[in-house]
C-alpha atoms as a PDB file:
ATOM      1  CA  MET A   1      -8.000  19.556  11.638  1.00  0.00           C
ATOM      2  CA  LEU A   2      -5.367  20.155  14.398  1.00  0.00           C
ATOM      3  CA  ALA A   3      -2.678  22.713  14.648  1.00  0.00           C
ATOM      4  CA  PHE A   4       0.707  21.171  14.385  1.00  0.00           C
ATOM      5  CA  SER A   5       4.131  22.573  13.664  1.00  0.00           C
ATOM      6  CA  SER A   6       5.915  22.079  10.561  1.00  0.00           C
ATOM      7  CA  ARG A   7       8.314  19.541  12.311  1.00  0.00           C
ATOM      8  CA  GLN A   8       5.391  17.580  13.622  1.00  0.00           C
ATOM      9  CA  ARG A   9       3.776  17.396  10.212  1.00  0.00           C
ATOM     10  CA  MET A  10       6.997  16.192   8.560  1.00  0.00           C
ATOM     11  CA  HIS A  11       7.346  13.673  11.405  1.00  0.00           C
ATOM     12  CA  ALA A  12       3.648  12.534  10.746  1.00  0.00           C
ATOM     13  CA  LEU A  13       4.366  12.424   6.778  1.00  0.00           C
ATOM     14  CA  PHE A  14       7.173  10.107   7.510  1.00  0.00           C
ATOM     15  CA  TRP A  15       5.515   7.618   9.615  1.00  0.00           C
ATOM     16  CA  LEU A  16       2.302   7.384   7.919  1.00  0.00           C
ATOM     17  CA  SER A  17       3.929   7.081   4.558  1.00  0.00           C
ATOM     18  CA  LEU A  18       6.160   4.094   6.065  1.00  0.00           C
ATOM     19  CA  PHE A  19       2.902   2.494   7.257  1.00  0.00           C
ATOM     20  CA  HIS A  20       1.358   3.050   3.787  1.00  0.00           C
ATOM     21  CA  LEU A  21       4.235   1.210   2.251  1.00  0.00           C
ATOM     22  CA  LEU A  22       4.374  -1.599   4.745  1.00  0.00           C
ATOM     23  CA  VAL A  23       0.425  -2.063   4.329  1.00  0.00           C
ATOM     24  CA  ILE A  24       0.881  -1.976   0.440  1.00  0.00           C
ATOM     25  CA  THR A  25       3.979  -4.016   0.269  1.00  0.00           C
ATOM     26  CA  SER A  26       2.495  -6.868   2.775  1.00  0.00           C
ATOM     27  CA  SER A  27      -0.723  -6.819   0.845  1.00  0.00           C
ATOM     28  CA  ASN A  28       0.844  -7.505  -2.315  1.00  0.00           C
ATOM     29  CA  TYR A  29       3.038 -10.259  -1.118  1.00  0.00           C
ATOM     30  CA  LEU A  30       0.009 -11.863   0.644  1.00  0.00           C
ATOM     31  CA  VAL A  31      -2.214 -11.708  -2.282  1.00  0.00           C
ATOM     32  CA  GLN A  32      -0.220 -14.543  -3.557  1.00  0.00           C
ATOM     33  CA  LEU A  33      -1.236 -16.761  -0.493  1.00  0.00           C
ATOM     34  CA  PRO A  34      -4.645 -18.179  -1.150  1.00  0.00           C
ATOM     35  CA  ILE A  35      -7.174 -19.122   1.818  1.00  0.00           C
ATOM     36  CA  SER A  36     -10.374 -20.488   2.021  1.00  0.00           C
ATOM     37  CA  VAL A  37     -12.908 -18.766   4.402  1.00  0.00           C
ATOM     38  CA  PHE A  38     -16.386 -20.460   4.773  1.00  0.00           C
ATOM     39  CA  GLY A  39     -16.156 -22.025   1.319  1.00  0.00           C
ATOM     40  CA  PHE A  40     -15.292 -18.628  -0.147  1.00  0.00           C
ATOM     41  CA  HIS A  41     -11.731 -18.572  -1.967  1.00  0.00           C
ATOM     42  CA  THR A  42      -9.724 -15.376  -1.499  1.00  0.00           C
ATOM     43  CA  THR A  43      -6.165 -14.348  -0.253  1.00  0.00           C
ATOM     44  CA  TRP A  44      -4.679 -13.124   2.797  1.00  0.00           C
ATOM     45  CA  GLY A  45      -4.110  -9.821   1.095  1.00  0.00           C
ATOM     46  CA  ALA A  46      -7.880  -9.061   1.242  1.00  0.00           C
ATOM     47  CA  PHE A  47      -7.589  -8.927   4.989  1.00  0.00           C
ATOM     48  CA  SER A  48      -4.473  -6.489   5.131  1.00  0.00           C
ATOM     49  CA  PHE A  49      -5.401  -3.878   2.542  1.00  0.00           C
ATOM     50  CA  PRO A  50      -8.187  -2.211   3.959  1.00  0.00           C
ATOM     51  CA  PHE A  51      -5.757  -0.746   6.656  1.00  0.00           C
ATOM     52  CA  ILE A  52      -4.653   1.600   4.148  1.00  0.00           C
ATOM     53  CA  PHE A  53      -8.107   3.275   4.032  1.00  0.00           C
ATOM     54  CA  LEU A  54      -8.119   3.428   7.735  1.00  0.00           C
ATOM     55  CA  ALA A  55      -4.599   5.235   7.643  1.00  0.00           C
ATOM     56  CA  THR A  56      -5.981   7.605   5.034  1.00  0.00           C
ATOM     57  CA  ASP A  57      -9.133   8.423   6.750  1.00  0.00           C
ATOM     58  CA  LEU A  58      -7.251   9.104   9.996  1.00  0.00           C
ATOM     59  CA  THR A  59      -4.772  11.508   8.077  1.00  0.00           C
ATOM     60  CA  VAL A  60      -7.431  13.473   6.561  1.00  0.00           C
ATOM     61  CA  ARG A  61      -9.525  13.800   9.877  1.00  0.00           C
ATOM     62  CA  ILE A  62      -6.197  14.879  11.833  1.00  0.00           C
ATOM     63  CA  PHE A  63      -4.214  16.518   9.221  1.00  0.00           C
ATOM     64  CA  GLY A  64      -6.496  17.593   6.204  1.00  0.00           C
ATOM     65  CA  ALA A  65      -6.822  16.533   2.888  1.00  0.00           C
ATOM     66  CA  PRO A  66      -3.543  18.221   1.509  1.00  0.00           C
ATOM     67  CA  LEU A  67      -1.199  16.128   3.724  1.00  0.00           C
ATOM     68  CA  ALA A  68      -3.288  12.975   2.623  1.00  0.00           C
ATOM     69  CA  ARG A  69      -2.772  13.858  -0.871  1.00  0.00           C
ATOM     70  CA  ARG A  70       1.007  14.400  -0.206  1.00  0.00           C
ATOM     71  CA  ILE A  71       1.382  10.997   1.481  1.00  0.00           C
ATOM     72  CA  ILE A  72      -0.230   9.239  -1.326  1.00  0.00           C
ATOM     73  CA  LEU A  73       1.897  10.818  -3.848  1.00  0.00           C
ATOM     74  CA  ALA A  74       5.188  10.306  -1.777  1.00  0.00           C
ATOM     75  CA  VAL A  75       4.164   6.553  -1.475  1.00  0.00           C
ATOM     76  CA  MET A  76       3.022   5.600  -4.795  1.00  0.00           C
ATOM     77  CA  ILE A  77       6.139   5.054  -6.862  1.00  0.00           C
ATOM     78  CA  PRO A  78       8.304   3.400  -3.951  1.00  0.00           C
ATOM     79  CA  ALA A  79       5.366   1.277  -3.171  1.00  0.00           C
ATOM     80  CA  LEU A  80       5.277  -0.089  -6.666  1.00  0.00           C
ATOM     81  CA  PHE A  81       9.090  -0.983  -6.729  1.00  0.00           C
ATOM     82  CA  ILE A  82       9.339  -2.355  -3.263  1.00  0.00           C
ATOM     83  CA  SER A  83       6.104  -4.304  -3.854  1.00  0.00           C
ATOM     84  CA  TYR A  84       7.539  -5.874  -6.919  1.00  0.00           C
ATOM     85  CA  SER A  85      10.858  -6.703  -5.285  1.00  0.00           C
ATOM     86  CA  VAL A  86       9.341  -8.396  -2.198  1.00  0.00           C
ATOM     87  CA  SER A  87       6.867 -10.310  -4.051  1.00  0.00           C
ATOM     88  CA  ALA A  88       9.386 -11.532  -6.582  1.00  0.00           C
ATOM     89  CA  LEU A  89      11.977 -12.405  -3.961  1.00  0.00           C
ATOM     90  CA  PHE A  90       9.349 -14.335  -1.899  1.00  0.00           C
ATOM     91  CA  TYR A  91       7.311 -15.681  -4.803  1.00  0.00           C
ATOM     92  CA  GLN A  92       4.583 -18.104  -3.727  1.00  0.00           C
ATOM     93  CA  GLY A  93       5.620 -17.965  -0.192  1.00  0.00           C
ATOM     94  CA  GLU A  94       9.194 -19.235  -0.940  1.00  0.00           C
ATOM     95  CA  TRP A  95      12.580 -17.458  -1.070  1.00  0.00           C
ATOM     96  CA  GLN A  96      13.656 -17.309  -4.619  1.00  0.00           C
ATOM     97  CA  GLY A  97      16.889 -16.068  -4.128  1.00  0.00           C
ATOM     98  CA  TRP A  98      18.381 -12.700  -5.420  1.00  0.00           C
ATOM     99  CA  GLN A  99      18.724 -14.000  -8.864  1.00  0.00           C
ATOM    100  CA  ALA A 100      14.814 -13.639  -9.135  1.00  0.00           C
ATOM    101  CA  LEU A 101      15.061  -9.951  -9.461  1.00  0.00           C
ATOM    102  CA  GLU A 102      17.200 -10.507 -12.688  1.00  0.00           C
ATOM    103  CA  VAL A 103      14.317 -11.749 -14.710  1.00  0.00           C
ATOM    104  CA  MET A 104      10.825 -10.176 -14.935  1.00  0.00           C
ATOM    105  CA  ASN A 105       8.187 -11.998 -13.285  1.00  0.00           C
ATOM    106  CA  LEU A 106       5.150 -11.087 -15.085  1.00  0.00           C
ATOM    107  CA  PHE A 107       2.662 -12.427 -12.591  1.00  0.00           C
ATOM    108  CA  VAL A 108       4.135 -10.375  -9.910  1.00  0.00           C
ATOM    109  CA  ALA A 109       4.366  -7.309 -12.057  1.00  0.00           C
ATOM    110  CA  ARG A 110       0.745  -7.491 -12.977  1.00  0.00           C
ATOM    111  CA  ILE A 111      -0.030  -7.675  -9.201  1.00  0.00           C
ATOM    112  CA  ALA A 112       2.340  -4.496  -8.490  1.00  0.00           C
ATOM    113  CA  CYS A 113       0.807  -2.583 -11.408  1.00  0.00           C
ATOM    114  CA  ALA A 114      -2.801  -3.504 -10.608  1.00  0.00           C
ATOM    115  CA  SER A 115      -2.101  -2.547  -6.910  1.00  0.00           C
ATOM    116  CA  PHE A 116      -0.385   0.663  -7.902  1.00  0.00           C
ATOM    117  CA  MET A 117      -3.499   1.796 -10.108  1.00  0.00           C
ATOM    118  CA  ALA A 118      -6.051   0.806  -7.542  1.00  0.00           C
ATOM    119  CA  TYR A 119      -4.096   2.563  -4.724  1.00  0.00           C
ATOM    120  CA  ALA A 120      -3.695   5.642  -6.474  1.00  0.00           C
ATOM    121  CA  LEU A 121      -7.243   6.048  -7.699  1.00  0.00           C
ATOM    122  CA  GLY A 122      -9.041   4.470  -4.833  1.00  0.00           C
ATOM    123  CA  GLN A 123      -6.883   6.856  -2.119  1.00  0.00           C
ATOM    124  CA  ILE A 124      -7.411   9.809  -4.445  1.00  0.00           C
ATOM    125  CA  LEU A 125     -11.105   9.232  -4.502  1.00  0.00           C
ATOM    126  CA  ASP A 126     -11.194   8.425  -0.768  1.00  0.00           C
ATOM    127  CA  VAL A 127      -9.621  11.696   0.143  1.00  0.00           C
ATOM    128  CA  HIS A 128     -11.976  13.614  -2.055  1.00  0.00           C
ATOM    129  CA  VAL A 129     -15.196  11.824  -0.663  1.00  0.00           C
ATOM    130  CA  PHE A 130     -14.090  11.721   2.907  1.00  0.00           C
ATOM    131  CA  ASN A 131     -13.139  15.373   2.795  1.00  0.00           C
ATOM    132  CA  ARG A 132     -16.391  16.558   1.656  1.00  0.00           C
END
């Protein structure tokens, strides 16, 4: 772990949290878009989500587990709401209009909730295991 000033740590927290939000939001949107690769059916989200583990592992390596846990906790709830909003507004790759936020889209809500649980559990376990 490297020695950084308090200001540098807060700066890193901001940018790493923003990166986590970007990857989670884009992955939750991209999971709606199917793709076939060599006959296997998957979604574009399967290609973007692994970047979260890269970001978390680098955070643990550079700043230690406490900051990595702090980023995860800082990002969890905003990611849930932002992911739902973006995915509902651009449902199935098409702009639905602002009225899409007036009605609960259960398909998008299930994706956002499942992503929330997978992110929280996966990242906490990743930090715990990677920090050993």
